[in-house]
PDB file of N, CA and C in Angstrom:
ATOM      1  N   MET A   1       0.813  -1.202   0.000  1.00  0.00           N
ATOM      2  CA  MET A   1       0.000   0.000   0.000  1.00  0.00           C
ATOM      3  C   MET A   1       0.853   1.261   0.000  1.00  0.00           C
ATOM      4  N   LEU A   2       2.033   1.177   0.592  1.00  0.00           N
ATOM      5  CA  LEU A   2       2.888   2.360   0.616  1.00  0.00           C
ATOM      6  C   LEU A   2       3.196   2.850  -0.783  1.00  0.00           C
ATOM      7  N   ALA A   3       3.423   1.923  -1.699  1.00  0.00           N
ATOM      8  CA  ALA A   3       3.790   2.318  -3.057  1.00  0.00           C
ATOM      9  C   ALA A   3       2.677   3.088  -3.751  1.00  0.00           C
ATOM     10  N   ASN A   4       1.448   2.892  -3.346  1.00  0.00           N
ATOM     11  CA  ASN A   4       0.336   3.622  -3.944  1.00  0.00           C
ATOM     12  C   ASN A   4       0.254   5.060  -3.442  1.00  0.00           C
ATOM     13  N   ALA A   5       0.838   5.325  -2.284  1.00  0.00           N
ATOM     14  CA  ALA A   5       0.718   6.644  -1.678  1.00  0.00           C
ATOM     15  C   ALA A   5       2.012   7.453  -1.746  1.00  0.00           C
ATOM     16  N   MET A   6       3.139   6.785  -1.986  1.00  0.00           N
ATOM     17  CA  MET A   6       4.440   7.445  -1.988  1.00  0.00           C
ATOM     18  C   MET A   6       5.258   6.970  -3.186  1.00  0.00           C
ATOM     19  N   THR A   7       6.240   7.765  -3.537  1.00  0.00           N
ATOM     20  CA  THR A   7       7.140   7.342  -4.610  1.00  0.00           C
ATOM     21  C   THR A   7       8.024   6.204  -4.119  1.00  0.00           C
ATOM     22  N   VAL A   8       8.566   5.455  -5.048  1.00  0.00           N
ATOM     23  CA  VAL A   8       9.447   4.342  -4.705  1.00  0.00           C
ATOM     24  C   VAL A   8      10.649   4.847  -3.908  1.00  0.00           C
ATOM     25  N   ASN A   9      11.197   5.979  -4.284  1.00  0.00           N
ATOM     26  CA  ASN A   9      12.359   6.529  -3.567  1.00  0.00           C
ATOM     27  C   ASN A   9      12.018   6.845  -2.116  1.00  0.00           C
ATOM     28  N   THR A  10      10.814   7.330  -1.880  1.00  0.00           N
ATOM     29  CA  THR A  10      10.399   7.646  -0.514  1.00  0.00           C
ATOM     30  C   THR A  10      10.264   6.383   0.314  1.00  0.00           C
ATOM     31  N   VAL A  11       9.618   5.372  -0.251  1.00  0.00           N
ATOM     32  CA  VAL A  11       9.458   4.099   0.457  1.00  0.00           C
ATOM     33  C   VAL A  11      10.824   3.491   0.749  1.00  0.00           C
ATOM     34  N   GLN A  12      11.737   3.550  -0.205  1.00  0.00           N
ATOM     35  CA  GLN A  12      13.076   3.006  -0.004  1.00  0.00           C
ATOM     36  C   GLN A  12      13.811   3.752   1.098  1.00  0.00           C
ATOM     37  N   ALA A  13      13.694   5.071   1.125  1.00  0.00           N
ATOM     38  CA  ALA A  13      14.366   5.864   2.155  1.00  0.00           C
ATOM     39  C   ALA A  13      13.813   5.533   3.538  1.00  0.00           C
ATOM     40  N   VAL A  14      12.509   5.393   3.654  1.00  0.00           N
ATOM     41  CA  VAL A  14      11.903   5.051   4.943  1.00  0.00           C
ATOM     42  C   VAL A  14      12.352   3.651   5.363  1.00  0.00           C
ATOM     43  N   ALA A  15      12.334   2.706   4.437  1.00  0.00           N
ATOM     44  CA  ALA A  15      12.760   1.341   4.760  1.00  0.00           C
ATOM     45  C   ALA A  15      14.218   1.306   5.213  1.00  0.00           C
ATOM     46  N   ASN A  16      15.066   2.073   4.568  1.00  0.00           N
ATOM     47  CA  ASN A  16      16.478   2.128   4.972  1.00  0.00           C
ATOM     48  C   ASN A  16      16.624   2.671   6.382  1.00  0.00           C
ATOM     49  N   GLU A  17      15.844   3.685   6.726  1.00  0.00           N
ATOM     50  CA  GLU A  17      15.911   4.250   8.077  1.00  0.00           C
ATOM     51  C   GLU A  17      15.398   3.256   9.112  1.00  0.00           C
ATOM     52  N   VAL A  18      14.353   2.509   8.767  1.00  0.00           N
ATOM     53  CA  VAL A  18      13.837   1.483   9.676  1.00  0.00           C
ATOM     54  C   VAL A  18      14.908   0.418   9.908  1.00  0.00           C
ATOM     55  N   LEU A  19      15.572  -0.010   8.846  1.00  0.00           N
ATOM     56  CA  LEU A  19      16.636  -1.001   8.998  1.00  0.00           C
ATOM     57  C   LEU A  19      17.782  -0.486   9.865  1.00  0.00           C
ATOM     58  N   LYS A  20      18.174   0.770   9.666  1.00  0.00           N
ATOM     59  CA  LYS A  20      19.229   1.356  10.504  1.00  0.00           C
ATOM     60  C   LYS A  20      18.816   1.343  11.969  1.00  0.00           C
ATOM     61  N   PHE A  21      17.556   1.736  12.228  1.00  0.00           N
ATOM     62  CA  PHE A  21      17.049   1.777  13.597  1.00  0.00           C
ATOM     63  C   PHE A  21      17.084   0.387  14.230  1.00  0.00           C
ATOM     64  N   ILE A  22      16.590  -0.604  13.488  1.00  0.00           N
ATOM     65  CA  ILE A  22      16.563  -1.973  14.007  1.00  0.00           C
ATOM     66  C   ILE A  22      17.976  -2.476  14.258  1.00  0.00           C
ATOM     67  N   ASN A  23      18.876  -2.221  13.328  1.00  0.00           N
ATOM     68  CA  ASN A  23      20.261  -2.675  13.491  1.00  0.00           C
ATOM     69  C   ASN A  23      20.954  -1.990  14.659  1.00  0.00           C
ATOM     70  N   ASN A  24      20.582  -0.752  14.952  1.00  0.00           N
ATOM     71  CA  ASN A  24      21.182  -0.036  16.075  1.00  0.00           C
ATOM     72  C   ASN A  24      20.663  -0.512  17.427  1.00  0.00           C
ATOM     73  N   LEU A  25      19.620  -1.337  17.428  1.00  0.00           N
ATOM     74  CA  LEU A  25      19.112  -1.881  18.688  1.00  0.00           C
ATOM     75  C   LEU A  25      20.057  -2.939  19.254  1.00  0.00           C
ATOM     76  N   GLY A  26      20.980  -3.404  18.425  1.00  0.00           N
ATOM     77  CA  GLY A  26      21.932  -4.407  18.880  1.00  0.00           C
ATOM     78  C   GLY A  26      21.369  -5.816  18.873  1.00  0.00           C
ATOM     79  N   ILE A  27      20.292  -6.025  18.147  1.00  0.00           N
ATOM     80  CA  ILE A  27      19.691  -7.354  18.064  1.00  0.00           C
ATOM     81  C   ILE A  27      20.292  -8.060  16.857  1.00  0.00           C
ATOM     82  N   GLU A  28      20.971  -9.153  17.098  1.00  0.00           N
ATOM     83  CA  GLU A  28      21.643  -9.881  16.017  1.00  0.00           C
ATOM     84  C   GLU A  28      20.763 -11.004  15.462  1.00  0.00           C
ATOM     85  N   ASN A  29      19.986 -11.627  16.317  1.00  0.00           N
ATOM     86  CA  ASN A  29      19.209 -12.792  15.945  1.00  0.00           C
ATOM     87  C   ASN A  29      17.912 -12.374  15.235  1.00  0.00           C
ATOM     88  N   MET A  30      17.651 -12.921  14.046  1.00  0.00           N
ATOM     89  CA  MET A  30      16.463 -12.566  13.281  1.00  0.00           C
ATOM     90  C   MET A  30      15.180 -12.929  14.030  1.00  0.00           C
ATOM     91  N   ASP A  31      15.193 -14.052  14.783  1.00  0.00           N
ATOM     92  CA  ASP A  31      14.007 -14.427  15.560  1.00  0.00           C
ATOM     93  C   ASP A  31      13.662 -13.340  16.575  1.00  0.00           C
ATOM     94  N   ASP A  32      14.694 -12.755  17.201  1.00  0.00           N
ATOM     95  CA  ASP A  32      14.461 -11.688  18.169  1.00  0.00           C
ATOM     96  C   ASP A  32      13.892 -10.448  17.487  1.00  0.00           C
ATOM     97  N   LYS A  33      14.363 -10.158  16.269  1.00  0.00           N
ATOM     98  CA  LYS A  33      13.835  -9.015  15.525  1.00  0.00           C
ATOM     99  C   LYS A  33      12.367  -9.234  15.181  1.00  0.00           C
ATOM    100  N   GLN A  34      12.012 -10.463  14.813  1.00  0.00           N
ATOM    101  CA  GLN A  34      10.625 -10.775  14.498  1.00  0.00           C
ATOM    102  C   GLN A  34       9.755 -10.665  15.740  1.00  0.00           C
ATOM    103  N   LYS A  35      10.267 -11.130  16.875  1.00  0.00           N
ATOM    104  CA  LYS A  35       9.522 -11.030  18.126  1.00  0.00           C
ATOM    105  C   LYS A  35       9.299  -9.562  18.502  1.00  0.00           C
ATOM    106  N   LEU A  36      10.326  -8.729  18.305  1.00  0.00           N
ATOM    107  CA  LEU A  36      10.193  -7.302  18.598  1.00  0.00           C
ATOM    108  C   LEU A  36       9.115  -6.681  17.711  1.00  0.00           C
ATOM    109  N   GLY A  37       9.117  -7.027  16.428  1.00  0.00           N
ATOM    110  CA  GLY A  37       8.104  -6.504  15.518  1.00  0.00           C
ATOM    111  C   GLY A  37       6.710  -6.955  15.900  1.00  0.00           C
ATOM    112  N   SER A  38       6.567  -8.212  16.277  1.00  0.00           N
ATOM    113  CA  SER A  38       5.264  -8.730  16.685  1.00  0.00           C
ATOM    114  C   SER A  38       4.783  -8.050  17.958  1.00  0.00           C
ATOM    115  N   LYS A  39       5.691  -7.875  18.918  1.00  0.00           N
ATOM    116  CA  LYS A  39       5.314  -7.219  20.175  1.00  0.00           C
ATOM    117  C   LYS A  39       4.891  -5.775  19.906  1.00  0.00           C
ATOM    118  N   THR A  40       5.615  -5.096  19.052  1.00  0.00           N
ATOM    119  CA  THR A  40       5.277  -3.710  18.723  1.00  0.00           C
ATOM    120  C   THR A  40       3.879  -3.637  18.115  1.00  0.00           C
ATOM    121  N   ALA A  41       3.591  -4.527  17.174  1.00  0.00           N
ATOM    122  CA  ALA A  41       2.280  -4.528  16.522  1.00  0.00           C
ATOM    123  C   ALA A  41       1.180  -4.899  17.511  1.00  0.00           C
ATOM    124  N   LYS A  42       1.418  -5.891  18.345  1.00  0.00           N
ATOM    125  CA  LYS A  42       0.408  -6.340  19.306  1.00  0.00           C
ATOM    126  C   LYS A  42       0.135  -5.290  20.368  1.00  0.00           C
ATOM    127  N   ASP A  43       1.136  -4.475  20.685  1.00  0.00           N
ATOM    128  CA  ASP A  43       0.953  -3.422  21.691  1.00  0.00           C
ATOM    129  C   ASP A  43       0.238  -2.207  21.120  1.00  0.00           C
ATOM    130  N   GLY A  44      -0.235  -2.320  19.895  1.00  0.00           N
ATOM    131  CA  GLY A  44      -0.973  -1.203  19.299  1.00  0.00           C
ATOM    132  C   GLY A  44      -0.076  -0.049  18.913  1.00  0.00           C
ATOM    133  N   PHE A  45       1.182  -0.345  18.617  1.00  0.00           N
ATOM    134  CA  PHE A  45       2.137   0.678  18.194  1.00  0.00           C
ATOM    135  C   PHE A  45       2.240   1.813  19.222  1.00  0.00           C
ATOM    136  N   LYS A  46       2.261   1.416  20.503  1.00  0.00           N
ATOM    137  CA  LYS A  46       2.370   2.407  21.582  1.00  0.00           C
ATOM    138  C   LYS A  46       3.667   3.197  21.510  1.00  0.00           C
ATOM    139  N   ASN A  47       4.675   2.620  20.866  1.00  0.00           N
ATOM    140  CA  ASN A  47       5.955   3.313  20.772  1.00  0.00           C
ATOM    141  C   ASN A  47       6.058   4.159  19.513  1.00  0.00           C
ATOM    142  N   GLU A  48       4.932   4.424  18.868  1.00  0.00           N
ATOM    143  CA  GLU A  48       4.951   5.172  17.605  1.00  0.00           C
ATOM    144  C   GLU A  48       5.626   6.533  17.751  1.00  0.00           C
ATOM    145  N   TYR A  49       5.344   7.244  18.812  1.00  0.00           N
ATOM    146  CA  TYR A  49       5.949   8.567  19.003  1.00  0.00           C
ATOM    147  C   TYR A  49       7.454   8.455  19.194  1.00  0.00           C
ATOM    148  N   PHE A  50       7.916   7.391  19.879  1.00  0.00           N
ATOM    149  CA  PHE A  50       9.342   7.155  20.052  1.00  0.00           C
ATOM    150  C   PHE A  50      10.015   6.963  18.699  1.00  0.00           C
ATOM    151  N   VAL A  51       9.392   6.157  17.834  1.00  0.00           N
ATOM    152  CA  VAL A  51       9.960   5.900  16.522  1.00  0.00           C
ATOM    153  C   VAL A  51       9.981   7.183  15.690  1.00  0.00           C
ATOM    154  N   VAL A  52       8.906   7.962  15.736  1.00  0.00           N
ATOM    155  CA  VAL A  52       8.846   9.224  15.001  1.00  0.00           C
ATOM    156  C   VAL A  52       9.957  10.151  15.488  1.00  0.00           C
ATOM    157  N   ASP A  53      10.152  10.237  16.781  1.00  0.00           N
ATOM    158  CA  ASP A  53      11.215  11.093  17.320  1.00  0.00           C
ATOM    159  C   ASP A  53      12.591  10.632  16.841  1.00  0.00           C
ATOM    160  N   CYS A  54      12.804   9.322  16.789  1.00  0.00           N
ATOM    161  CA  CYS A  54      14.090   8.800  16.312  1.00  0.00           C
ATOM    162  C   CYS A  54      14.328   9.177  14.850  1.00  0.00           C
ATOM    163  N   PHE A  55      13.292   9.041  14.036  1.00  0.00           N
ATOM    164  CA  PHE A  55      13.441   9.404  12.625  1.00  0.00           C
ATOM    165  C   PHE A  55      13.662  10.899  12.449  1.00  0.00           C
ATOM    166  N   ASN A  56      12.974  11.699  13.241  1.00  0.00           N
ATOM    167  CA  ASN A  56      13.130  13.147  13.124  1.00  0.00           C
ATOM    168  C   ASN A  56      14.509  13.613  13.568  1.00  0.00           C
ATOM    169  N   ASP A  57      15.120  12.875  14.491  1.00  0.00           N
ATOM    170  CA  ASP A  57      16.472  13.212  14.935  1.00  0.00           C
ATOM    171  C   ASP A  57      17.456  12.886  13.827  1.00  0.00           C
TER     172      ASP A  57
END
């Protein structure tokens, strides 16, 4: 759905920033990254403002 609302370059830039953020968490194991993503989604994206602040910085 992102591609319908944004240019490919924009989606790629956002995805790159998300990957940088995840990699900076120090999580090496892919299973742990998946668990973090699932927990974030299940918690109703309560950390959304934290993520926005990180991207804005």
